[in-house]
Amino acid sequence: MKLGIIRCMQTEDYCPGTADFKTIREKKGVFEGVEEKITLVGFCNCGGCPGKKAVLRARKLVERGADTIAFASCIQKGTPIGYPCPFAKKMKELIETDLGDKVKLLDYTH
């Protein structure tokens, strides 16, 4: 798996992504049961509310080899700030429409 992660711009000031990296390394969370090697291609934010740069960033991740894009848990679950992204569903729909079957999308990481 060639993985790109898109995370919430609001959380990046105090979340270095270590839980995401640990989850990948230990193949837990959404990666449980993945038997192939997971290579992290890129780790970027959504571009700020309302996820206005997520499509462009998803395209770049795919251009750079990602076959899977995960939305970090801060987007869907609100981890660690306790506030899920109100634009998560729309952001995912826009990326699905733009990239189609070029990439698999995962709703969270841990």
N, C-alpha and C. Protein backbone atom coordinates (compact mmCIF):
# COMPACT_ATOMS: atom_id res chain seq x y z
N MET A 1 0.84 -1.17 0.00
CA MET A 1 0.00 0.00 0.00
C MET A 1 0.89 1.24 0.00
N LYS A 2 0.59 2.14 -0.90
CA LYS A 2 1.26 3.44 -0.96
C LYS A 2 0.26 4.44 -0.41
N LEU A 3 0.56 4.99 0.75
CA LEU A 3 -0.41 5.75 1.53
C LEU A 3 -0.12 7.24 1.58
N GLY A 4 -1.16 8.02 1.40
CA GLY A 4 -1.12 9.45 1.66
C GLY A 4 -2.13 9.75 2.74
N ILE A 5 -1.79 10.68 3.63
CA ILE A 5 -2.71 11.05 4.71
C ILE A 5 -3.03 12.53 4.60
N ILE A 6 -4.31 12.83 4.70
CA ILE A 6 -4.77 14.21 4.76
C ILE A 6 -5.33 14.43 6.16
N ARG A 7 -4.83 15.47 6.82
CA ARG A 7 -5.28 15.74 8.18
C ARG A 7 -5.87 17.14 8.30
N CYS A 8 -6.45 17.42 9.44
CA CYS A 8 -7.08 18.71 9.71
C CYS A 8 -6.02 19.77 9.98
N MET A 9 -6.13 20.88 9.27
CA MET A 9 -5.19 21.97 9.48
C MET A 9 -5.31 22.57 10.88
N GLN A 10 -6.50 22.51 11.47
CA GLN A 10 -6.71 23.08 12.80
C GLN A 10 -5.92 22.34 13.88
N THR A 11 -5.60 21.08 13.67
CA THR A 11 -4.92 20.31 14.71
C THR A 11 -3.41 20.27 14.55
N GLU A 12 -2.88 20.70 13.43
CA GLU A 12 -1.45 20.49 13.20
C GLU A 12 -0.53 21.32 14.09
N ASP A 13 -1.05 22.36 14.72
CA ASP A 13 -0.22 23.14 15.64
C ASP A 13 0.19 22.35 16.88
N TYR A 14 -0.62 21.38 17.28
CA TYR A 14 -0.29 20.62 18.48
C TYR A 14 -0.34 19.11 18.30
N CYS A 15 -0.50 18.64 17.10
CA CYS A 15 -0.49 17.20 16.85
C CYS A 15 0.54 16.89 15.78
N PRO A 16 1.65 16.26 16.16
CA PRO A 16 2.69 15.94 15.18
C PRO A 16 2.40 14.70 14.33
N GLY A 17 1.28 14.04 14.54
CA GLY A 17 0.92 12.87 13.73
C GLY A 17 1.52 11.57 14.22
N THR A 18 2.12 11.57 15.40
CA THR A 18 2.80 10.37 15.88
C THR A 18 1.85 9.18 16.04
N ALA A 19 0.60 9.43 16.44
CA ALA A 19 -0.35 8.31 16.57
C ALA A 19 -0.65 7.71 15.21
N ASP A 20 -0.73 8.55 14.17
CA ASP A 20 -0.93 8.03 12.81
C ASP A 20 0.23 7.14 12.40
N PHE A 21 1.45 7.63 12.63
CA PHE A 21 2.64 6.88 12.22
C PHE A 21 2.76 5.56 12.99
N LYS A 22 2.45 5.60 14.28
CA LYS A 22 2.49 4.38 15.09
C LYS A 22 1.44 3.38 14.62
N THR A 23 0.25 3.87 14.30
CA THR A 23 -0.82 3.00 13.82
C THR A 23 -0.42 2.31 12.52
N ILE A 24 0.24 3.05 11.63
CA ILE A 24 0.72 2.46 10.37
C ILE A 24 1.78 1.40 10.67
N ARG A 25 2.76 1.78 11.48
CA ARG A 25 3.88 0.89 11.79
C ARG A 25 3.39 -0.41 12.43
N GLU A 26 2.43 -0.30 13.34
CA GLU A 26 1.93 -1.47 14.06
C GLU A 26 0.75 -2.15 13.37
N LYS A 27 0.29 -1.56 12.25
CA LYS A 27 -0.85 -2.07 11.49
C LYS A 27 -2.07 -2.27 12.39
N LYS A 28 -2.43 -1.19 13.05
CA LYS A 28 -3.61 -1.18 13.91
C LYS A 28 -4.61 -0.19 13.31
N GLY A 29 -5.72 0.01 14.02
CA GLY A 29 -6.74 0.93 13.52
C GLY A 29 -7.25 0.47 12.16
N VAL A 30 -7.37 1.39 11.24
CA VAL A 30 -7.88 1.07 9.91
C VAL A 30 -6.93 0.16 9.12
N PHE A 31 -5.68 0.07 9.56
CA PHE A 31 -4.67 -0.73 8.85
C PHE A 31 -4.58 -2.18 9.36
N GLU A 32 -5.40 -2.51 10.35
CA GLU A 32 -5.42 -3.87 10.87
C GLU A 32 -5.84 -4.82 9.75
N GLY A 33 -5.10 -5.87 9.57
CA GLY A 33 -5.40 -6.84 8.53
C GLY A 33 -4.72 -6.57 7.19
N VAL A 34 -4.06 -5.41 7.07
CA VAL A 34 -3.31 -5.12 5.84
C VAL A 34 -2.05 -5.97 5.87
N GLU A 35 -1.92 -6.83 4.89
CA GLU A 35 -0.77 -7.73 4.87
C GLU A 35 0.42 -7.18 4.11
N GLU A 36 0.15 -6.32 3.15
CA GLU A 36 1.25 -5.77 2.36
C GLU A 36 1.99 -4.68 3.13
N LYS A 37 3.17 -4.36 2.67
CA LYS A 37 3.96 -3.28 3.26
C LYS A 37 3.23 -1.95 3.04
N ILE A 38 3.24 -1.09 4.06
CA ILE A 38 2.63 0.24 3.94
C ILE A 38 3.75 1.26 3.85
N THR A 39 3.78 1.99 2.74
CA THR A 39 4.76 3.04 2.54
C THR A 39 4.04 4.37 2.56
N LEU A 40 4.46 5.26 3.45
CA LEU A 40 3.86 6.58 3.54
C LEU A 40 4.44 7.47 2.45
N VAL A 41 3.59 7.90 1.53
CA VAL A 41 3.98 8.75 0.40
C VAL A 41 3.98 10.22 0.78
N GLY A 42 2.99 10.61 1.60
CA GLY A 42 2.89 12.01 2.00
C GLY A 42 1.91 12.19 3.13
N PHE A 43 2.08 13.32 3.84
CA PHE A 43 1.28 13.65 5.01
C PHE A 43 1.04 15.15 4.94
N CYS A 44 -0.19 15.55 4.65
CA CYS A 44 -0.47 16.98 4.47
C CYS A 44 -1.80 17.33 5.12
N ASN A 45 -2.09 18.63 5.17
CA ASN A 45 -3.37 19.03 5.74
C ASN A 45 -4.37 19.33 4.63
N CYS A 46 -5.60 19.58 5.04
CA CYS A 46 -6.71 19.77 4.10
C CYS A 46 -6.70 21.15 3.44
N GLY A 47 -5.90 22.07 3.97
CA GLY A 47 -5.86 23.42 3.44
C GLY A 47 -6.72 24.39 4.22
N GLY A 48 -7.33 23.92 5.27
CA GLY A 48 -8.18 24.77 6.10
C GLY A 48 -9.64 24.70 5.70
N CYS A 49 -10.47 25.10 6.60
CA CYS A 49 -11.91 25.04 6.38
C CYS A 49 -12.31 25.87 5.17
N PRO A 50 -13.17 25.31 4.36
CA PRO A 50 -13.90 24.05 4.43
C PRO A 50 -13.22 22.91 3.66
N GLY A 51 -11.97 22.63 3.92
CA GLY A 51 -11.24 21.59 3.19
C GLY A 51 -10.96 21.99 1.77
N LYS A 52 -10.76 23.30 1.58
CA LYS A 52 -10.71 23.87 0.24
C LYS A 52 -9.55 23.43 -0.64
N LYS A 53 -8.51 22.86 -0.05
CA LYS A 53 -7.38 22.41 -0.86
C LYS A 53 -7.23 20.89 -0.86
N ALA A 54 -8.16 20.20 -0.25
CA ALA A 54 -8.05 18.75 -0.10
C ALA A 54 -8.01 18.03 -1.44
N VAL A 55 -8.79 18.46 -2.41
CA VAL A 55 -8.80 17.80 -3.72
C VAL A 55 -7.44 17.96 -4.40
N LEU A 56 -6.92 19.17 -4.39
CA LEU A 56 -5.61 19.41 -5.01
C LEU A 56 -4.52 18.60 -4.32
N ARG A 57 -4.59 18.52 -3.02
CA ARG A 57 -3.58 17.77 -2.27
C ARG A 57 -3.74 16.27 -2.48
N ALA A 58 -4.96 15.80 -2.60
CA ALA A 58 -5.18 14.38 -2.91
C ALA A 58 -4.61 14.05 -4.29
N ARG A 59 -4.83 14.93 -5.25
CA ARG A 59 -4.25 14.73 -6.58
C ARG A 59 -2.73 14.61 -6.51
N LYS A 60 -2.11 15.50 -5.74
CA LYS A 60 -0.64 15.47 -5.61
C LYS A 60 -0.17 14.18 -4.98
N LEU A 61 -0.89 13.71 -3.97
CA LEU A 61 -0.51 12.45 -3.33
C LEU A 61 -0.57 11.30 -4.33
N VAL A 62 -1.61 11.28 -5.16
CA VAL A 62 -1.73 10.25 -6.19
C VAL A 62 -0.62 10.39 -7.23
N GLU A 63 -0.35 11.62 -7.66
CA GLU A 63 0.73 11.86 -8.62
C GLU A 63 2.07 11.35 -8.08
N ARG A 64 2.21 11.40 -6.78
CA ARG A 64 3.48 10.98 -6.16
C ARG A 64 3.44 9.53 -5.70
N GLY A 65 2.44 8.79 -6.15
CA GLY A 65 2.44 7.35 -5.96
C GLY A 65 1.40 6.77 -5.04
N ALA A 66 0.62 7.57 -4.36
CA ALA A 66 -0.37 7.02 -3.42
C ALA A 66 -1.47 6.26 -4.16
N ASP A 67 -1.77 5.07 -3.67
CA ASP A 67 -2.92 4.32 -4.18
C ASP A 67 -4.04 4.30 -3.14
N THR A 68 -3.74 4.82 -1.95
CA THR A 68 -4.69 4.90 -0.86
C THR A 68 -4.51 6.24 -0.16
N ILE A 69 -5.62 6.89 0.17
CA ILE A 69 -5.57 8.12 0.96
C ILE A 69 -6.43 7.92 2.19
N ALA A 70 -5.83 8.19 3.34
CA ALA A 70 -6.57 8.11 4.60
C ALA A 70 -6.82 9.52 5.10
N PHE A 71 -8.02 9.75 5.58
CA PHE A 71 -8.31 10.98 6.31
C PHE A 71 -7.88 10.70 7.74
N ALA A 72 -6.99 11.50 8.27
CA ALA A 72 -6.54 11.29 9.64
C ALA A 72 -7.73 11.34 10.59
N SER A 73 -7.58 10.71 11.71
CA SER A 73 -8.69 10.63 12.67
C SER A 73 -9.18 11.98 13.15
N CYS A 74 -8.35 13.00 13.05
CA CYS A 74 -8.79 14.34 13.46
C CYS A 74 -9.93 14.84 12.57
N ILE A 75 -10.02 14.38 11.36
CA ILE A 75 -11.08 14.84 10.46
C ILE A 75 -12.40 14.16 10.79
N GLN A 76 -12.46 12.86 10.75
CA GLN A 76 -13.73 12.15 10.96
C GLN A 76 -14.13 12.02 12.42
N LYS A 77 -13.13 11.80 13.30
CA LYS A 77 -13.43 11.54 14.71
C LYS A 77 -13.21 12.76 15.61
N GLY A 78 -12.51 13.76 15.12
CA GLY A 78 -12.24 14.93 15.93
C GLY A 78 -11.09 14.76 16.90
N THR A 79 -10.35 13.68 16.78
CA THR A 79 -9.22 13.42 17.65
C THR A 79 -8.08 14.37 17.30
N PRO A 80 -7.40 15.02 18.18
CA PRO A 80 -7.52 15.03 19.63
C PRO A 80 -8.36 16.20 20.18
N ILE A 81 -8.90 17.06 19.35
CA ILE A 81 -9.58 18.26 19.86
C ILE A 81 -11.05 18.04 20.20
N GLY A 82 -11.58 16.87 19.83
CA GLY A 82 -12.97 16.57 20.17
C GLY A 82 -13.98 17.26 19.27
N TYR A 83 -13.55 17.69 18.09
CA TYR A 83 -14.45 18.39 17.18
C TYR A 83 -14.26 17.84 15.77
N PRO A 84 -15.12 16.91 15.35
CA PRO A 84 -15.02 16.37 13.99
C PRO A 84 -15.24 17.45 12.95
N CYS A 85 -14.64 17.31 11.82
CA CYS A 85 -14.76 18.27 10.73
C CYS A 85 -16.20 18.28 10.20
N PRO A 86 -16.85 19.44 10.18
CA PRO A 86 -18.20 19.50 9.64
C PRO A 86 -18.24 19.38 8.12
N PHE A 87 -17.07 19.45 7.49
CA PHE A 87 -16.98 19.37 6.03
C PHE A 87 -16.44 18.02 5.55
N ALA A 88 -16.22 17.08 6.46
CA ALA A 88 -15.59 15.80 6.13
C ALA A 88 -16.32 15.05 5.01
N LYS A 89 -17.62 14.93 5.12
CA LYS A 89 -18.39 14.18 4.12
C LYS A 89 -18.26 14.83 2.74
N LYS A 90 -18.40 16.14 2.67
CA LYS A 90 -18.30 16.86 1.40
C LYS A 90 -16.89 16.75 0.83
N MET A 91 -15.89 16.88 1.69
CA MET A 91 -14.50 16.78 1.24
C MET A 91 -14.24 15.41 0.62
N LYS A 92 -14.73 14.36 1.26
CA LYS A 92 -14.56 13.01 0.73
C LYS A 92 -15.29 12.85 -0.61
N GLU A 93 -16.51 13.36 -0.69
CA GLU A 93 -17.27 13.28 -1.95
C GLU A 93 -16.54 13.98 -3.09
N LEU A 94 -15.97 15.15 -2.81
CA LEU A 94 -15.25 15.90 -3.85
C LEU A 94 -14.01 15.14 -4.33
N ILE A 95 -13.30 14.53 -3.39
CA ILE A 95 -12.11 13.75 -3.77
C ILE A 95 -12.52 12.51 -4.56
N GLU A 96 -13.59 11.83 -4.12
CA GLU A 96 -14.08 10.65 -4.85
C GLU A 96 -14.48 11.03 -6.28
N THR A 97 -15.17 12.14 -6.42
CA THR A 97 -15.60 12.59 -7.75
C THR A 97 -14.41 12.92 -8.63
N ASP A 98 -13.42 13.57 -8.05
CA ASP A 98 -12.26 13.99 -8.81
C ASP A 98 -11.34 12.84 -9.19
N LEU A 99 -11.08 11.94 -8.27
CA LEU A 99 -10.10 10.88 -8.51
C LEU A 99 -10.71 9.54 -8.91
N GLY A 100 -12.01 9.38 -8.68
CA GLY A 100 -12.66 8.13 -9.08
C GLY A 100 -12.00 6.91 -8.49
N ASP A 101 -11.75 5.93 -9.34
CA ASP A 101 -11.17 4.68 -8.86
C ASP A 101 -9.64 4.67 -8.88
N LYS A 102 -9.03 5.83 -9.02
CA LYS A 102 -7.56 5.92 -8.99
C LYS A 102 -7.01 5.68 -7.60
N VAL A 103 -7.87 5.84 -6.59
CA VAL A 103 -7.39 5.76 -5.21
C VAL A 103 -8.47 5.20 -4.30
N LYS A 104 -8.04 4.47 -3.28
CA LYS A 104 -8.94 3.97 -2.24
C LYS A 104 -8.92 5.00 -1.11
N LEU A 105 -10.08 5.31 -0.55
CA LEU A 105 -10.17 6.27 0.54
C LEU A 105 -10.52 5.58 1.85
N LEU A 106 -9.81 5.96 2.91
CA LEU A 106 -10.04 5.43 4.24
C LEU A 106 -10.54 6.56 5.12
N ASP A 107 -11.56 6.31 5.92
CA ASP A 107 -12.22 7.36 6.70
C ASP A 107 -11.47 7.82 7.95
N TYR A 108 -10.52 7.05 8.43
CA TYR A 108 -9.79 7.41 9.65
C TYR A 108 -8.48 6.65 9.66
N THR A 109 -7.65 6.92 10.67
CA THR A 109 -6.40 6.19 10.81
C THR A 109 -6.41 5.35 12.08
N HIS A 110 -6.66 5.97 13.21
CA HIS A 110 -6.63 5.26 14.49
C HIS A 110 -7.88 5.50 15.31
